[in-house]
């Protein structure tokens, strides 16, 4: 059970990280490194904080992932990561600031991912000695 809790934490953190970085990067115009100065940072502070928070989310997600790997077989742990694809898709089409379109093929793809994860996790783990 601990492995699934750590895995869920990893999935939720990586999902939040993706969403934060996407939102932040859309708010920041293309720039060169020479253009980064105090006025640029101040005028894009919320977006830069979102991108930084997304990067921190990735680091925390990796920490959770290490613990998930400690408790779960790799073939089960790794499939949990695919849940983030579904969560990011659902968030991107439902949250208004992303304004991404929903489609039948993407929704079916998400349902296939969920079905695959369910199939892999539907049988109990055999303990190895």
N, C-alpha and C. Protein backbone atom coordinates (compact mmCIF):
# COMPACT_ATOMS: atom_id res chain seq x y z
N UNK A 1 0.82 -1.20 0.00
CA UNK A 1 0.00 0.00 0.00
C UNK A 1 0.86 1.27 0.00
N UNK A 2 2.00 1.23 0.73
CA UNK A 2 2.88 2.39 0.77
C UNK A 2 3.37 2.76 -0.63
N UNK A 3 3.69 1.73 -1.42
CA UNK A 3 4.18 1.99 -2.77
C UNK A 3 3.16 2.73 -3.61
N UNK A 4 1.90 2.35 -3.48
CA UNK A 4 0.85 3.03 -4.25
C UNK A 4 0.64 4.46 -3.78
N UNK A 5 0.79 4.69 -2.49
CA UNK A 5 0.68 6.07 -1.98
C UNK A 5 1.81 6.93 -2.52
N UNK A 6 3.04 6.40 -2.48
CA UNK A 6 4.17 7.15 -3.03
C UNK A 6 4.01 7.34 -4.54
N UNK A 7 3.55 6.30 -5.23
CA UNK A 7 3.34 6.40 -6.68
C UNK A 7 2.28 7.43 -7.02
N UNK A 8 1.20 7.45 -6.25
CA UNK A 8 0.15 8.45 -6.47
C UNK A 8 0.69 9.85 -6.22
N UNK A 9 1.48 10.01 -5.18
CA UNK A 9 2.10 11.31 -4.93
C UNK A 9 2.96 11.75 -6.09
N UNK A 10 3.73 10.82 -6.63
CA UNK A 10 4.59 11.14 -7.78
C UNK A 10 3.76 11.56 -8.98
N UNK A 11 2.70 10.82 -9.26
CA UNK A 11 1.84 11.12 -10.41
C UNK A 11 1.18 12.49 -10.25
N UNK A 12 0.65 12.77 -9.07
CA UNK A 12 -0.02 14.06 -8.84
C UNK A 12 0.97 15.22 -8.93
N UNK A 13 2.16 15.03 -8.38
CA UNK A 13 3.15 16.09 -8.45
C UNK A 13 3.63 16.35 -9.87
N UNK A 14 3.86 15.29 -10.64
CA UNK A 14 4.33 15.49 -12.01
C UNK A 14 3.22 16.10 -12.87
N UNK A 15 1.97 15.76 -12.57
CA UNK A 15 0.85 16.36 -13.29
C UNK A 15 0.77 17.86 -12.99
N UNK A 16 0.84 18.21 -11.70
CA UNK A 16 0.83 19.62 -11.33
C UNK A 16 2.01 20.36 -11.94
N UNK A 17 3.18 19.71 -11.95
CA UNK A 17 4.37 20.32 -12.53
C UNK A 17 4.17 20.64 -14.01
N UNK A 18 3.62 19.70 -14.75
CA UNK A 18 3.36 19.93 -16.18
C UNK A 18 2.42 21.11 -16.38
N UNK A 19 1.35 21.15 -15.61
CA UNK A 19 0.35 22.21 -15.76
C UNK A 19 0.92 23.57 -15.38
N UNK A 20 1.68 23.62 -14.30
CA UNK A 20 2.29 24.89 -13.90
C UNK A 20 3.29 25.39 -14.94
N UNK A 21 4.13 24.49 -15.44
CA UNK A 21 5.11 24.91 -16.43
C UNK A 21 4.45 25.36 -17.72
N UNK A 22 3.42 24.66 -18.15
CA UNK A 22 2.71 25.05 -19.37
C UNK A 22 2.10 26.44 -19.20
N UNK A 23 1.40 26.65 -18.08
CA UNK A 23 0.78 27.95 -17.86
C UNK A 23 1.84 29.05 -17.82
N UNK A 24 2.91 28.81 -17.07
CA UNK A 24 3.95 29.82 -16.95
C UNK A 24 4.63 30.13 -18.27
N UNK A 25 4.95 29.11 -19.03
CA UNK A 25 5.67 29.34 -20.29
C UNK A 25 4.80 30.05 -21.33
N UNK A 26 3.51 29.86 -21.29
CA UNK A 26 2.62 30.56 -22.23
C UNK A 26 2.58 32.05 -21.89
N UNK A 27 2.76 32.39 -20.62
CA UNK A 27 2.70 33.78 -20.19
C UNK A 27 3.98 34.56 -20.50
N UNK A 28 5.07 33.86 -20.72
CA UNK A 28 6.37 34.51 -20.93
C UNK A 28 6.65 34.59 -22.44
N UNK A 29 6.95 35.79 -22.95
CA UNK A 29 7.28 35.90 -24.37
C UNK A 29 8.64 35.27 -24.65
N UNK A 30 8.88 34.95 -25.91
CA UNK A 30 10.21 34.47 -26.29
C UNK A 30 11.23 35.56 -25.97
N UNK A 31 12.37 35.15 -25.46
CA UNK A 31 13.37 36.12 -25.04
C UNK A 31 14.76 35.53 -25.21
N UNK A 32 15.73 36.42 -25.23
CA UNK A 32 17.13 35.97 -25.22
C UNK A 32 17.64 36.11 -23.79
N UNK A 33 18.70 35.41 -23.47
CA UNK A 33 19.26 35.50 -22.13
C UNK A 33 19.70 36.93 -21.80
N UNK A 34 20.10 37.68 -22.81
CA UNK A 34 20.53 39.06 -22.60
C UNK A 34 19.36 39.95 -22.18
N UNK A 35 18.14 39.54 -22.49
CA UNK A 35 16.96 40.34 -22.17
C UNK A 35 16.49 40.17 -20.73
N UNK A 36 17.10 39.25 -20.01
CA UNK A 36 16.67 39.00 -18.63
C UNK A 36 17.29 40.05 -17.73
N UNK A 37 16.44 40.92 -17.24
CA UNK A 37 16.86 41.94 -16.28
C UNK A 37 15.74 42.11 -15.25
N UNK A 38 15.95 43.01 -14.31
CA UNK A 38 14.97 43.18 -13.23
C UNK A 38 13.57 43.54 -13.76
N UNK A 39 13.44 44.48 -14.69
CA UNK A 39 12.09 44.79 -15.19
C UNK A 39 11.41 43.57 -15.86
N UNK A 40 12.19 42.78 -16.61
CA UNK A 40 11.62 41.59 -17.24
C UNK A 40 11.12 40.62 -16.17
N UNK A 41 11.95 40.37 -15.17
CA UNK A 41 11.57 39.44 -14.10
C UNK A 41 10.34 39.94 -13.37
N UNK A 42 10.32 41.22 -13.02
CA UNK A 42 9.18 41.76 -12.28
C UNK A 42 7.90 41.74 -13.10
N UNK A 43 7.99 41.98 -14.40
CA UNK A 43 6.78 42.00 -15.22
C UNK A 43 6.26 40.59 -15.52
N UNK A 44 7.07 39.57 -15.30
CA UNK A 44 6.64 38.19 -15.55
C UNK A 44 6.80 37.32 -14.30
N UNK A 45 6.73 37.95 -13.14
CA UNK A 45 7.04 37.25 -11.90
C UNK A 45 6.11 36.07 -11.63
N UNK A 46 4.81 36.23 -11.83
CA UNK A 46 3.89 35.11 -11.53
C UNK A 46 4.16 33.93 -12.46
N UNK A 47 4.45 34.22 -13.71
CA UNK A 47 4.74 33.13 -14.66
C UNK A 47 6.06 32.44 -14.31
N UNK A 48 7.06 33.22 -13.94
CA UNK A 48 8.35 32.64 -13.55
C UNK A 48 8.23 31.81 -12.28
N UNK A 49 7.42 32.27 -11.34
CA UNK A 49 7.18 31.51 -10.11
C UNK A 49 6.48 30.20 -10.45
N UNK A 50 5.51 30.25 -11.38
CA UNK A 50 4.81 29.02 -11.77
C UNK A 50 5.78 28.02 -12.41
N UNK A 51 6.66 28.49 -13.27
CA UNK A 51 7.64 27.60 -13.91
C UNK A 51 8.57 27.02 -12.85
N UNK A 52 9.04 27.86 -11.93
CA UNK A 52 9.92 27.39 -10.87
C UNK A 52 9.20 26.37 -9.98
N UNK A 53 7.94 26.65 -9.65
CA UNK A 53 7.15 25.71 -8.85
C UNK A 53 6.98 24.38 -9.59
N UNK A 54 6.81 24.45 -10.91
CA UNK A 54 6.71 23.24 -11.71
C UNK A 54 7.99 22.43 -11.65
N UNK A 55 9.13 23.10 -11.74
CA UNK A 55 10.41 22.40 -11.63
C UNK A 55 10.58 21.78 -10.24
N UNK A 56 10.15 22.49 -9.22
CA UNK A 56 10.21 21.93 -7.86
C UNK A 56 9.27 20.73 -7.74
N UNK A 57 8.13 20.81 -8.40
CA UNK A 57 7.20 19.68 -8.41
C UNK A 57 7.84 18.44 -9.01
N UNK A 58 8.63 18.63 -10.06
CA UNK A 58 9.34 17.50 -10.66
C UNK A 58 10.33 16.89 -9.67
N UNK A 59 11.04 17.73 -8.95
CA UNK A 59 12.01 17.22 -7.97
C UNK A 59 11.30 16.44 -6.87
N UNK A 60 10.22 16.99 -6.35
CA UNK A 60 9.46 16.29 -5.31
C UNK A 60 8.86 15.00 -5.85
N UNK A 61 8.40 15.05 -7.10
CA UNK A 61 7.85 13.85 -7.73
C UNK A 61 8.90 12.75 -7.80
N UNK A 62 10.12 13.13 -8.13
CA UNK A 62 11.20 12.15 -8.21
C UNK A 62 11.47 11.54 -6.84
N UNK A 63 11.40 12.35 -5.79
CA UNK A 63 11.55 11.81 -4.45
C UNK A 63 10.49 10.78 -4.12
N UNK A 64 9.25 11.10 -4.46
CA UNK A 64 8.16 10.13 -4.25
C UNK A 64 8.40 8.88 -5.09
N UNK A 65 8.91 9.07 -6.29
CA UNK A 65 9.14 7.95 -7.20
C UNK A 65 10.17 6.98 -6.62
N UNK A 66 11.21 7.51 -6.01
CA UNK A 66 12.22 6.64 -5.39
C UNK A 66 11.57 5.72 -4.37
N UNK A 67 10.69 6.28 -3.53
CA UNK A 67 10.01 5.46 -2.52
C UNK A 67 9.03 4.48 -3.15
N UNK A 68 8.35 4.91 -4.21
CA UNK A 68 7.43 3.99 -4.90
C UNK A 68 8.21 2.79 -5.43
N UNK A 69 9.38 3.03 -6.00
CA UNK A 69 10.20 1.94 -6.53
C UNK A 69 10.69 1.01 -5.42
N UNK A 70 10.88 1.55 -4.23
CA UNK A 70 11.32 0.73 -3.10
C UNK A 70 10.24 -0.30 -2.74
N UNK A 71 8.98 0.09 -2.84
CA UNK A 71 7.89 -0.76 -2.37
C UNK A 71 7.17 -1.55 -3.46
N UNK A 72 7.24 -1.12 -4.70
CA UNK A 72 6.47 -1.77 -5.77
C UNK A 72 7.39 -2.43 -6.79
N UNK A 73 6.93 -3.53 -7.40
CA UNK A 73 7.68 -4.08 -8.53
C UNK A 73 7.71 -3.03 -9.66
N UNK A 74 8.78 -3.00 -10.40
CA UNK A 74 8.95 -1.99 -11.45
C UNK A 74 7.82 -2.03 -12.47
N UNK A 75 7.37 -3.24 -12.86
CA UNK A 75 6.33 -3.31 -13.89
C UNK A 75 5.01 -2.72 -13.41
N UNK A 76 4.78 -2.66 -12.13
CA UNK A 76 3.57 -2.01 -11.61
C UNK A 76 3.80 -0.52 -11.37
N UNK A 77 4.92 -0.20 -10.82
CA UNK A 77 5.21 1.21 -10.53
C UNK A 77 5.24 2.03 -11.82
N UNK A 78 5.92 1.52 -12.82
CA UNK A 78 6.11 2.30 -14.04
C UNK A 78 4.79 2.60 -14.75
N UNK A 79 3.86 1.66 -14.69
CA UNK A 79 2.58 1.92 -15.36
C UNK A 79 1.80 3.04 -14.68
N UNK A 80 2.04 3.25 -13.40
CA UNK A 80 1.35 4.34 -12.71
C UNK A 80 1.68 5.70 -13.33
N UNK A 81 2.90 5.84 -13.83
CA UNK A 81 3.30 7.12 -14.42
C UNK A 81 2.41 7.52 -15.58
N UNK A 82 1.88 6.55 -16.30
CA UNK A 82 1.04 6.87 -17.46
C UNK A 82 -0.27 7.55 -17.04
N UNK A 83 -0.64 7.42 -15.79
CA UNK A 83 -1.84 8.10 -15.31
C UNK A 83 -1.71 9.61 -15.43
N UNK A 84 -0.49 10.11 -15.37
CA UNK A 84 -0.31 11.56 -15.50
C UNK A 84 -0.71 12.04 -16.89
N UNK A 85 -0.55 11.21 -17.92
CA UNK A 85 -1.00 11.61 -19.27
C UNK A 85 -2.50 11.88 -19.27
N UNK A 86 -3.23 11.02 -18.61
CA UNK A 86 -4.69 11.17 -18.56
C UNK A 86 -5.05 12.40 -17.73
N UNK A 87 -4.42 12.56 -16.58
CA UNK A 87 -4.74 13.70 -15.71
C UNK A 87 -4.41 15.03 -16.38
N UNK A 88 -3.28 15.10 -17.06
CA UNK A 88 -2.92 16.34 -17.75
C UNK A 88 -3.93 16.63 -18.87
N UNK A 89 -4.32 15.62 -19.61
CA UNK A 89 -5.31 15.82 -20.68
C UNK A 89 -6.62 16.33 -20.11
N UNK A 90 -7.11 15.70 -19.05
CA UNK A 90 -8.39 16.11 -18.45
C UNK A 90 -8.29 17.55 -17.94
N UNK A 91 -7.20 17.88 -17.28
CA UNK A 91 -7.03 19.25 -16.78
C UNK A 91 -6.93 20.25 -17.93
N UNK A 92 -6.22 19.90 -18.98
CA UNK A 92 -6.02 20.83 -20.09
C UNK A 92 -7.31 21.13 -20.83
N UNK A 93 -8.22 20.18 -20.87
CA UNK A 93 -9.49 20.43 -21.58
C UNK A 93 -10.57 20.98 -20.66
N UNK A 94 -10.40 20.87 -19.35
CA UNK A 94 -11.45 21.37 -18.45
C UNK A 94 -11.10 22.71 -17.81
N UNK A 95 -9.84 22.99 -17.58
CA UNK A 95 -9.47 24.27 -16.97
C UNK A 95 -9.45 25.34 -18.05
N UNK A 96 -10.18 26.43 -17.84
CA UNK A 96 -10.37 27.42 -18.92
C UNK A 96 -9.10 28.13 -19.37
N UNK A 97 -8.09 28.27 -18.52
CA UNK A 97 -6.90 29.01 -18.93
C UNK A 97 -6.00 28.22 -19.86
N UNK A 98 -6.25 26.92 -20.02
CA UNK A 98 -5.48 26.14 -21.00
C UNK A 98 -6.16 26.15 -22.36
N UNK A 99 -7.48 26.19 -22.37
CA UNK A 99 -8.25 26.33 -23.62
C UNK A 99 -7.86 25.29 -24.66
N UNK A 100 -7.65 24.06 -24.24
CA UNK A 100 -7.31 23.00 -25.19
C UNK A 100 -8.57 22.24 -25.57
N UNK A 101 -8.56 21.72 -26.77
CA UNK A 101 -9.77 21.08 -27.29
C UNK A 101 -9.86 19.61 -26.88
N UNK A 102 -11.08 19.18 -26.69
CA UNK A 102 -11.36 17.78 -26.40
C UNK A 102 -11.64 17.09 -27.73
N UNK A 103 -11.23 15.85 -27.84
CA UNK A 103 -11.54 15.11 -29.06
C UNK A 103 -11.83 13.66 -28.70
N UNK A 104 -12.55 13.02 -29.57
CA UNK A 104 -12.90 11.62 -29.35
C UNK A 104 -11.64 10.75 -29.30
N UNK A 105 -10.72 10.98 -30.23
CA UNK A 105 -9.52 10.13 -30.28
C UNK A 105 -8.66 10.30 -29.03
N UNK A 106 -8.50 11.53 -28.55
CA UNK A 106 -7.71 11.76 -27.34
C UNK A 106 -8.40 11.15 -26.12
N UNK A 107 -9.71 11.29 -26.07
CA UNK A 107 -10.46 10.72 -24.95
C UNK A 107 -10.38 9.20 -24.97
N UNK A 108 -10.52 8.61 -26.15
CA UNK A 108 -10.38 7.15 -26.25
C UNK A 108 -8.97 6.71 -25.87
N UNK A 109 -7.97 7.47 -26.26
CA UNK A 109 -6.60 7.16 -25.87
C UNK A 109 -6.44 7.18 -24.36
N UNK A 110 -7.02 8.17 -23.71
CA UNK A 110 -6.98 8.24 -22.25
C UNK A 110 -7.68 7.05 -21.61
N UNK A 111 -8.81 6.66 -22.17
CA UNK A 111 -9.53 5.50 -21.65
C UNK A 111 -8.73 4.21 -21.85
N UNK A 112 -8.02 4.11 -22.97
CA UNK A 112 -7.16 2.94 -23.19
C UNK A 112 -6.02 2.89 -22.17
N UNK A 113 -5.46 4.05 -21.86
CA UNK A 113 -4.41 4.09 -20.84
C UNK A 113 -4.96 3.62 -19.50
N UNK A 114 -6.12 4.15 -19.12
CA UNK A 114 -6.73 3.74 -17.86
C UNK A 114 -7.04 2.25 -17.84
N UNK A 115 -7.51 1.73 -18.97
CA UNK A 115 -7.79 0.30 -19.05
C UNK A 115 -6.53 -0.53 -18.89
N UNK A 116 -5.46 -0.09 -19.53
CA UNK A 116 -4.18 -0.81 -19.42
C UNK A 116 -3.65 -0.81 -18.00
N UNK A 117 -3.71 0.33 -17.34
CA UNK A 117 -3.25 0.39 -15.95
C UNK A 117 -4.11 -0.52 -15.08
N UNK A 118 -5.40 -0.48 -15.29
CA UNK A 118 -6.30 -1.35 -14.51
C UNK A 118 -5.97 -2.83 -14.74
N UNK A 119 -5.76 -3.21 -16.01
CA UNK A 119 -5.43 -4.61 -16.29
C UNK A 119 -4.15 -5.05 -15.60
N UNK A 120 -3.15 -4.22 -15.64
CA UNK A 120 -1.87 -4.56 -15.04
C UNK A 120 -1.99 -4.67 -13.52
N UNK A 121 -2.82 -3.84 -12.92
CA UNK A 121 -2.92 -3.80 -11.47
C UNK A 121 -4.09 -4.63 -10.92
N UNK A 122 -4.82 -5.32 -11.78
CA UNK A 122 -6.00 -6.05 -11.31
C UNK A 122 -5.67 -7.38 -10.63
N UNK A 123 -4.52 -7.91 -10.91
CA UNK A 123 -4.10 -9.19 -10.28
C UNK A 123 -3.21 -8.86 -9.09
N UNK A 124 -3.33 -9.63 -8.01
CA UNK A 124 -2.45 -9.38 -6.86
C UNK A 124 -0.99 -9.63 -7.19
N UNK A 125 -0.13 -8.92 -6.51
CA UNK A 125 1.32 -9.09 -6.69
C UNK A 125 1.72 -10.42 -6.04
N UNK A 126 2.48 -11.21 -6.79
CA UNK A 126 3.02 -12.46 -6.22
C UNK A 126 4.29 -12.11 -5.48
N UNK A 127 4.36 -12.56 -4.26
CA UNK A 127 5.56 -12.32 -3.45
C UNK A 127 6.68 -13.23 -3.91
N UNK A 128 7.85 -12.64 -4.13
CA UNK A 128 9.01 -13.46 -4.48
C UNK A 128 9.81 -13.73 -3.21
N UNK A 129 10.44 -14.87 -3.15
CA UNK A 129 11.17 -15.25 -1.95
C UNK A 129 12.65 -15.13 -2.16
